[in-house]
Amino acid sequence: MNPSDAIPIPAADPQQPDAGGRPRPTGITLLALLALLTVVLVPIATPSPLVATLGAFGILGVVVLSLALACGLWELRSWAWPLAILFWAIGFIDALLLLTAGTINTNLVVAPLVVAYLNRSAIRRLFGR
């Protein structure tokens, strides 16, 4: 086979534009992957106080919400921005509840940083805000 006959396979590029032609910032890609990681970890991790109060429905809710968020952020959907703000605000409240129980959670630091990042004007514009 002649090398010029080979079918080119494009490399995965997190900067690749979404369907609307807008480039996805690396930070948004990381947040989408973090939301996707939540889908995997929530069912096997120790439930947080907020999720534990709702039991299996709480776990299922977090999994569905995280999956929707990951897809929405990846595709830069307008509804993903408020969902992301809500998602990380709840994560911060959960971290505060864990702190009152004597457990330190990374969301004490990560969630406010994520909300600050999402509120940058360039990021808000990507989501039509």
N, C-alpha and C. Protein backbone atom coordinates (compact mmCIF):
# COMPACT_ATOMS: atom_id res chain seq x y z
N MET A 1 0.84 -1.18 0.00
CA MET A 1 0.00 0.00 0.00
C MET A 1 0.88 1.24 0.00
N ASN A 2 0.55 2.15 -0.83
CA ASN A 2 1.27 3.39 -0.97
C ASN A 2 0.89 4.32 0.19
N PRO A 3 1.86 4.95 0.90
CA PRO A 3 1.54 5.83 2.02
C PRO A 3 0.59 6.97 1.63
N SER A 4 0.62 7.39 0.40
CA SER A 4 -0.27 8.49 0.00
C SER A 4 -1.71 8.01 -0.12
N ASP A 5 -1.93 6.68 -0.17
CA ASP A 5 -3.29 6.14 -0.24
C ASP A 5 -3.92 5.94 1.13
N ALA A 6 -3.14 6.09 2.18
CA ALA A 6 -3.65 5.86 3.53
C ALA A 6 -4.70 6.90 3.89
N ILE A 7 -5.67 6.48 4.64
CA ILE A 7 -6.72 7.39 5.10
C ILE A 7 -6.18 8.14 6.31
N PRO A 8 -6.16 9.47 6.26
CA PRO A 8 -5.65 10.23 7.41
C PRO A 8 -6.62 10.12 8.59
N ILE A 9 -6.06 9.88 9.75
CA ILE A 9 -6.86 9.82 10.98
C ILE A 9 -6.50 11.05 11.79
N PRO A 10 -7.49 11.93 12.00
CA PRO A 10 -7.19 13.15 12.76
C PRO A 10 -6.89 12.81 14.21
N ALA A 11 -5.93 13.51 14.78
CA ALA A 11 -5.58 13.32 16.19
C ALA A 11 -6.66 13.95 17.05
N ALA A 12 -6.87 13.38 18.23
CA ALA A 12 -7.83 13.96 19.17
C ALA A 12 -7.29 15.30 19.63
N ASP A 13 -8.10 16.31 19.52
CA ASP A 13 -7.68 17.66 19.86
C ASP A 13 -8.71 18.30 20.77
N PRO A 14 -8.36 18.54 22.07
CA PRO A 14 -9.33 19.15 22.97
C PRO A 14 -9.71 20.56 22.53
N GLN A 15 -8.92 21.17 21.67
CA GLN A 15 -9.23 22.51 21.18
C GLN A 15 -10.15 22.47 19.96
N GLN A 16 -10.52 21.26 19.55
CA GLN A 16 -11.37 21.11 18.37
C GLN A 16 -12.68 21.85 18.60
N PRO A 17 -13.16 22.57 17.60
CA PRO A 17 -14.41 23.30 17.78
C PRO A 17 -15.59 22.36 17.97
N ASP A 18 -16.60 22.86 18.68
CA ASP A 18 -17.83 22.10 18.82
C ASP A 18 -18.66 22.28 17.56
N ALA A 19 -19.88 21.78 17.58
CA ALA A 19 -20.73 21.84 16.38
C ALA A 19 -21.01 23.27 15.95
N GLY A 20 -20.97 24.22 16.89
CA GLY A 20 -21.22 25.61 16.55
C GLY A 20 -19.99 26.33 16.03
N GLY A 21 -18.86 25.64 15.91
CA GLY A 21 -17.64 26.23 15.38
C GLY A 21 -16.80 26.96 16.41
N ARG A 22 -17.23 26.95 17.67
CA ARG A 22 -16.46 27.64 18.71
C ARG A 22 -15.40 26.69 19.27
N PRO A 23 -14.18 27.17 19.47
CA PRO A 23 -13.16 26.30 20.07
C PRO A 23 -13.46 26.09 21.55
N ARG A 24 -13.26 24.87 22.04
CA ARG A 24 -13.49 24.54 23.44
C ARG A 24 -12.20 24.79 24.22
N PRO A 25 -12.24 25.68 25.20
CA PRO A 25 -11.03 25.93 26.00
C PRO A 25 -10.62 24.68 26.79
N THR A 26 -9.36 24.57 27.06
CA THR A 26 -8.83 23.43 27.81
C THR A 26 -9.50 23.32 29.18
N GLY A 27 -9.76 24.45 29.82
CA GLY A 27 -10.41 24.43 31.13
C GLY A 27 -11.79 23.80 31.08
N ILE A 28 -12.55 24.08 30.03
CA ILE A 28 -13.88 23.49 29.88
C ILE A 28 -13.75 21.99 29.60
N THR A 29 -12.76 21.62 28.80
CA THR A 29 -12.51 20.20 28.54
C THR A 29 -12.21 19.47 29.84
N LEU A 30 -11.37 20.07 30.69
CA LEU A 30 -11.03 19.46 31.98
C LEU A 30 -12.26 19.34 32.88
N LEU A 31 -13.11 20.37 32.88
CA LEU A 31 -14.33 20.32 33.71
C LEU A 31 -15.29 19.24 33.20
N ALA A 32 -15.39 19.09 31.88
CA ALA A 32 -16.24 18.03 31.32
C ALA A 32 -15.70 16.65 31.72
N LEU A 33 -14.40 16.48 31.68
CA LEU A 33 -13.80 15.20 32.07
C LEU A 33 -13.96 14.96 33.57
N LEU A 34 -13.89 16.02 34.37
CA LEU A 34 -14.10 15.89 35.81
C LEU A 34 -15.54 15.49 36.11
N ALA A 35 -16.49 16.06 35.38
CA ALA A 35 -17.90 15.67 35.55
C ALA A 35 -18.09 14.21 35.14
N LEU A 36 -17.41 13.78 34.09
CA LEU A 36 -17.49 12.40 33.65
C LEU A 36 -16.87 11.46 34.69
N LEU A 37 -15.80 11.90 35.31
CA LEU A 37 -15.17 11.11 36.37
C LEU A 37 -16.13 10.94 37.55
N THR A 38 -16.93 11.95 37.82
CA THR A 38 -17.93 11.88 38.88
C THR A 38 -18.94 10.77 38.60
N VAL A 39 -19.29 10.60 37.33
CA VAL A 39 -20.22 9.53 36.94
C VAL A 39 -19.68 8.17 37.39
N VAL A 40 -18.38 7.99 37.27
CA VAL A 40 -17.75 6.72 37.62
C VAL A 40 -17.56 6.58 39.13
N LEU A 41 -17.15 7.66 39.78
CA LEU A 41 -16.77 7.57 41.19
C LEU A 41 -17.93 7.61 42.18
N VAL A 42 -18.99 8.33 41.87
CA VAL A 42 -20.08 8.48 42.84
C VAL A 42 -20.69 7.14 43.25
N PRO A 43 -20.96 6.23 42.32
CA PRO A 43 -21.57 4.97 42.76
C PRO A 43 -20.67 4.10 43.63
N ILE A 44 -19.35 4.27 43.53
CA ILE A 44 -18.44 3.41 44.30
C ILE A 44 -17.81 4.12 45.50
N ALA A 45 -17.94 5.44 45.59
CA ALA A 45 -17.33 6.19 46.68
C ALA A 45 -18.27 6.25 47.89
N THR A 46 -17.73 6.63 49.01
CA THR A 46 -18.55 6.85 50.20
C THR A 46 -19.48 8.01 49.92
N PRO A 47 -20.77 7.83 50.13
CA PRO A 47 -21.69 8.91 49.80
C PRO A 47 -21.48 10.14 50.67
N SER A 48 -21.65 11.28 50.06
CA SER A 48 -21.54 12.54 50.79
C SER A 48 -22.82 12.73 51.61
N PRO A 49 -22.82 13.66 52.56
CA PRO A 49 -24.02 13.87 53.37
C PRO A 49 -25.26 14.21 52.53
N LEU A 50 -25.08 15.04 51.50
CA LEU A 50 -26.23 15.41 50.67
C LEU A 50 -26.76 14.22 49.88
N VAL A 51 -25.87 13.43 49.30
CA VAL A 51 -26.28 12.28 48.50
C VAL A 51 -26.82 11.17 49.40
N ALA A 52 -26.20 10.98 50.56
CA ALA A 52 -26.62 9.91 51.47
C ALA A 52 -28.04 10.13 51.98
N THR A 53 -28.44 11.37 52.17
CA THR A 53 -29.80 11.64 52.64
C THR A 53 -30.85 11.17 51.64
N LEU A 54 -30.49 11.18 50.37
CA LEU A 54 -31.44 10.78 49.33
C LEU A 54 -31.29 9.31 48.95
N GLY A 55 -30.27 8.65 49.45
CA GLY A 55 -30.08 7.23 49.18
C GLY A 55 -29.76 6.94 47.73
N ALA A 56 -30.31 5.84 47.23
CA ALA A 56 -30.04 5.39 45.86
C ALA A 56 -30.51 6.42 44.84
N PHE A 57 -31.62 7.10 45.14
CA PHE A 57 -32.11 8.12 44.21
C PHE A 57 -31.14 9.29 44.13
N GLY A 58 -30.48 9.60 45.25
CA GLY A 58 -29.49 10.67 45.25
C GLY A 58 -28.29 10.30 44.40
N ILE A 59 -27.83 9.06 44.53
CA ILE A 59 -26.70 8.59 43.74
C ILE A 59 -27.05 8.60 42.25
N LEU A 60 -28.22 8.08 41.93
CA LEU A 60 -28.66 8.06 40.53
C LEU A 60 -28.80 9.49 39.99
N GLY A 61 -29.34 10.39 40.82
CA GLY A 61 -29.48 11.79 40.41
C GLY A 61 -28.14 12.44 40.11
N VAL A 62 -27.16 12.20 40.97
CA VAL A 62 -25.83 12.78 40.76
C VAL A 62 -25.20 12.21 39.50
N VAL A 63 -25.38 10.92 39.27
CA VAL A 63 -24.80 10.28 38.08
C VAL A 63 -25.42 10.88 36.82
N VAL A 64 -26.75 10.99 36.79
CA VAL A 64 -27.43 11.54 35.61
C VAL A 64 -27.05 13.01 35.41
N LEU A 65 -27.04 13.78 36.50
CA LEU A 65 -26.68 15.20 36.42
C LEU A 65 -25.24 15.35 35.93
N SER A 66 -24.34 14.53 36.43
CA SER A 66 -22.93 14.61 36.02
C SER A 66 -22.74 14.25 34.56
N LEU A 67 -23.45 13.22 34.11
CA LEU A 67 -23.36 12.82 32.71
C LEU A 67 -23.90 13.91 31.79
N ALA A 68 -25.03 14.49 32.16
CA ALA A 68 -25.59 15.59 31.37
C ALA A 68 -24.63 16.77 31.35
N LEU A 69 -24.05 17.08 32.50
CA LEU A 69 -23.11 18.19 32.59
C LEU A 69 -21.88 17.94 31.73
N ALA A 70 -21.33 16.74 31.78
CA ALA A 70 -20.14 16.41 30.98
C ALA A 70 -20.44 16.61 29.49
N CYS A 71 -21.58 16.10 29.04
CA CYS A 71 -21.95 16.25 27.63
C CYS A 71 -22.19 17.71 27.27
N GLY A 72 -22.90 18.43 28.12
CA GLY A 72 -23.20 19.84 27.85
C GLY A 72 -21.96 20.71 27.81
N LEU A 73 -21.03 20.48 28.73
CA LEU A 73 -19.79 21.25 28.72
C LEU A 73 -18.96 20.91 27.49
N TRP A 74 -18.88 19.63 27.16
CA TRP A 74 -18.09 19.20 26.02
C TRP A 74 -18.58 19.86 24.73
N GLU A 75 -19.90 19.97 24.60
CA GLU A 75 -20.50 20.53 23.39
C GLU A 75 -20.81 22.02 23.51
N LEU A 76 -20.41 22.63 24.62
CA LEU A 76 -20.62 24.06 24.86
C LEU A 76 -22.10 24.46 24.74
N ARG A 77 -22.97 23.65 25.31
CA ARG A 77 -24.41 23.95 25.28
C ARG A 77 -24.73 25.08 26.25
N SER A 78 -25.65 25.94 25.89
CA SER A 78 -25.97 27.10 26.74
C SER A 78 -26.50 26.68 28.11
N TRP A 79 -27.24 25.58 28.19
CA TRP A 79 -27.79 25.13 29.47
C TRP A 79 -26.74 24.53 30.39
N ALA A 80 -25.56 24.22 29.88
CA ALA A 80 -24.52 23.60 30.69
C ALA A 80 -23.89 24.59 31.67
N TRP A 81 -23.89 25.87 31.33
CA TRP A 81 -23.26 26.86 32.21
C TRP A 81 -23.99 26.95 33.55
N PRO A 82 -25.32 27.20 33.55
CA PRO A 82 -25.99 27.26 34.86
C PRO A 82 -25.97 25.92 35.59
N LEU A 83 -26.00 24.82 34.84
CA LEU A 83 -25.93 23.50 35.47
C LEU A 83 -24.57 23.31 36.14
N ALA A 84 -23.51 23.78 35.51
CA ALA A 84 -22.16 23.67 36.09
C ALA A 84 -22.06 24.53 37.36
N ILE A 85 -22.60 25.73 37.32
CA ILE A 85 -22.59 26.58 38.51
C ILE A 85 -23.32 25.88 39.65
N LEU A 86 -24.49 25.33 39.37
CA LEU A 86 -25.27 24.61 40.38
C LEU A 86 -24.51 23.39 40.88
N PHE A 87 -23.93 22.63 39.98
CA PHE A 87 -23.20 21.41 40.30
C PHE A 87 -22.06 21.70 41.28
N TRP A 88 -21.25 22.71 40.97
CA TRP A 88 -20.11 23.00 41.86
C TRP A 88 -20.53 23.78 43.10
N ALA A 89 -21.64 24.50 43.06
CA ALA A 89 -22.14 25.15 44.28
C ALA A 89 -22.62 24.08 45.27
N ILE A 90 -23.31 23.07 44.76
CA ILE A 90 -23.74 21.97 45.61
C ILE A 90 -22.52 21.22 46.15
N GLY A 91 -21.50 21.06 45.31
CA GLY A 91 -20.27 20.42 45.77
C GLY A 91 -19.62 21.18 46.90
N PHE A 92 -19.67 22.51 46.83
CA PHE A 92 -19.09 23.34 47.89
C PHE A 92 -19.90 23.20 49.18
N ILE A 93 -21.22 23.24 49.07
CA ILE A 93 -22.08 23.08 50.25
C ILE A 93 -21.84 21.71 50.88
N ASP A 94 -21.72 20.70 50.05
CA ASP A 94 -21.44 19.36 50.53
C ASP A 94 -20.10 19.32 51.27
N ALA A 95 -19.10 20.01 50.71
CA ALA A 95 -17.79 20.05 51.36
C ALA A 95 -17.86 20.75 52.72
N LEU A 96 -18.71 21.78 52.80
CA LEU A 96 -18.90 22.46 54.10
C LEU A 96 -19.55 21.52 55.11
N LEU A 97 -20.53 20.74 54.67
CA LEU A 97 -21.17 19.76 55.57
C LEU A 97 -20.16 18.71 56.02
N LEU A 98 -19.31 18.27 55.11
CA LEU A 98 -18.27 17.31 55.47
C LEU A 98 -17.28 17.92 56.47
N LEU A 99 -17.00 19.21 56.30
CA LEU A 99 -16.08 19.89 57.21
C LEU A 99 -16.64 19.93 58.62
N THR A 100 -17.95 20.14 58.74
CA THR A 100 -18.56 20.14 60.08
C THR A 100 -18.48 18.76 60.73
N ALA A 101 -18.35 17.72 59.90
CA ALA A 101 -18.20 16.36 60.42
C ALA A 101 -16.73 16.00 60.62
N GLY A 102 -15.83 16.94 60.36
CA GLY A 102 -14.41 16.71 60.57
C GLY A 102 -13.66 16.18 59.37
N THR A 103 -14.26 16.21 58.19
CA THR A 103 -13.61 15.71 56.98
C THR A 103 -13.31 16.87 56.04
N ILE A 104 -12.09 16.92 55.56
CA ILE A 104 -11.72 17.97 54.60
C ILE A 104 -11.89 17.40 53.19
N ASN A 105 -12.57 18.15 52.35
CA ASN A 105 -12.87 17.74 50.98
C ASN A 105 -12.25 18.75 50.02
N THR A 106 -11.75 18.28 48.89
CA THR A 106 -11.11 19.16 47.92
C THR A 106 -12.07 20.21 47.34
N ASN A 107 -13.38 19.94 47.40
CA ASN A 107 -14.33 20.91 46.87
C ASN A 107 -14.37 22.21 47.66
N LEU A 108 -13.77 22.23 48.85
CA LEU A 108 -13.66 23.49 49.59
C LEU A 108 -12.83 24.50 48.80
N VAL A 109 -11.87 24.00 48.05
CA VAL A 109 -11.00 24.86 47.24
C VAL A 109 -11.40 24.82 45.77
N VAL A 110 -11.65 23.61 45.26
CA VAL A 110 -11.90 23.44 43.82
C VAL A 110 -13.19 24.12 43.38
N ALA A 111 -14.28 23.92 44.12
CA ALA A 111 -15.58 24.47 43.69
C ALA A 111 -15.56 25.99 43.53
N PRO A 112 -15.03 26.76 44.50
CA PRO A 112 -14.99 28.21 44.27
C PRO A 112 -14.11 28.61 43.08
N LEU A 113 -13.02 27.87 42.86
CA LEU A 113 -12.17 28.18 41.71
C LEU A 113 -12.90 27.89 40.40
N VAL A 114 -13.65 26.80 40.36
CA VAL A 114 -14.41 26.46 39.15
C VAL A 114 -15.47 27.51 38.89
N VAL A 115 -16.19 27.92 39.92
CA VAL A 115 -17.24 28.95 39.75
C VAL A 115 -16.61 30.26 39.28
N ALA A 116 -15.45 30.61 39.84
CA ALA A 116 -14.77 31.83 39.40
C ALA A 116 -14.36 31.71 37.93
N TYR A 117 -13.85 30.54 37.53
CA TYR A 117 -13.46 30.32 36.13
C TYR A 117 -14.67 30.42 35.21
N LEU A 118 -15.77 29.79 35.60
CA LEU A 118 -16.97 29.82 34.77
C LEU A 118 -17.55 31.22 34.64
N ASN A 119 -17.25 32.08 35.60
CA ASN A 119 -17.76 33.45 35.56
C ASN A 119 -16.85 34.42 34.82
N ARG A 120 -15.75 33.95 34.28
CA ARG A 120 -14.92 34.82 33.44
C ARG A 120 -15.73 35.20 32.21
N SER A 121 -15.57 36.42 31.75
CA SER A 121 -16.41 36.92 30.65
C SER A 121 -16.25 36.09 29.37
N ALA A 122 -15.04 35.67 29.06
CA ALA A 122 -14.83 34.88 27.84
C ALA A 122 -15.55 33.52 27.92
N ILE A 123 -15.55 32.93 29.11
CA ILE A 123 -16.21 31.63 29.29
C ILE A 123 -17.72 31.82 29.26
N ARG A 124 -18.20 32.86 29.90
CA ARG A 124 -19.65 33.13 29.89
C ARG A 124 -20.14 33.34 28.45
N ARG A 125 -19.35 34.06 27.65
CA ARG A 125 -19.74 34.31 26.24
C ARG A 125 -19.82 33.01 25.44
N LEU A 126 -18.92 32.07 25.73
CA LEU A 126 -18.97 30.77 25.03
C LEU A 126 -20.31 30.08 25.22
N PHE A 127 -20.91 30.30 26.38
CA PHE A 127 -22.18 29.66 26.70
C PHE A 127 -23.37 30.60 26.48
N GLY A 128 -23.11 31.72 25.83
CA GLY A 128 -24.20 32.65 25.53
C GLY A 128 -24.72 33.41 26.73
N ARG A 129 -23.87 33.67 27.70
CA ARG A 129 -24.26 34.38 28.93
C ARG A 129 -23.70 35.76 28.97
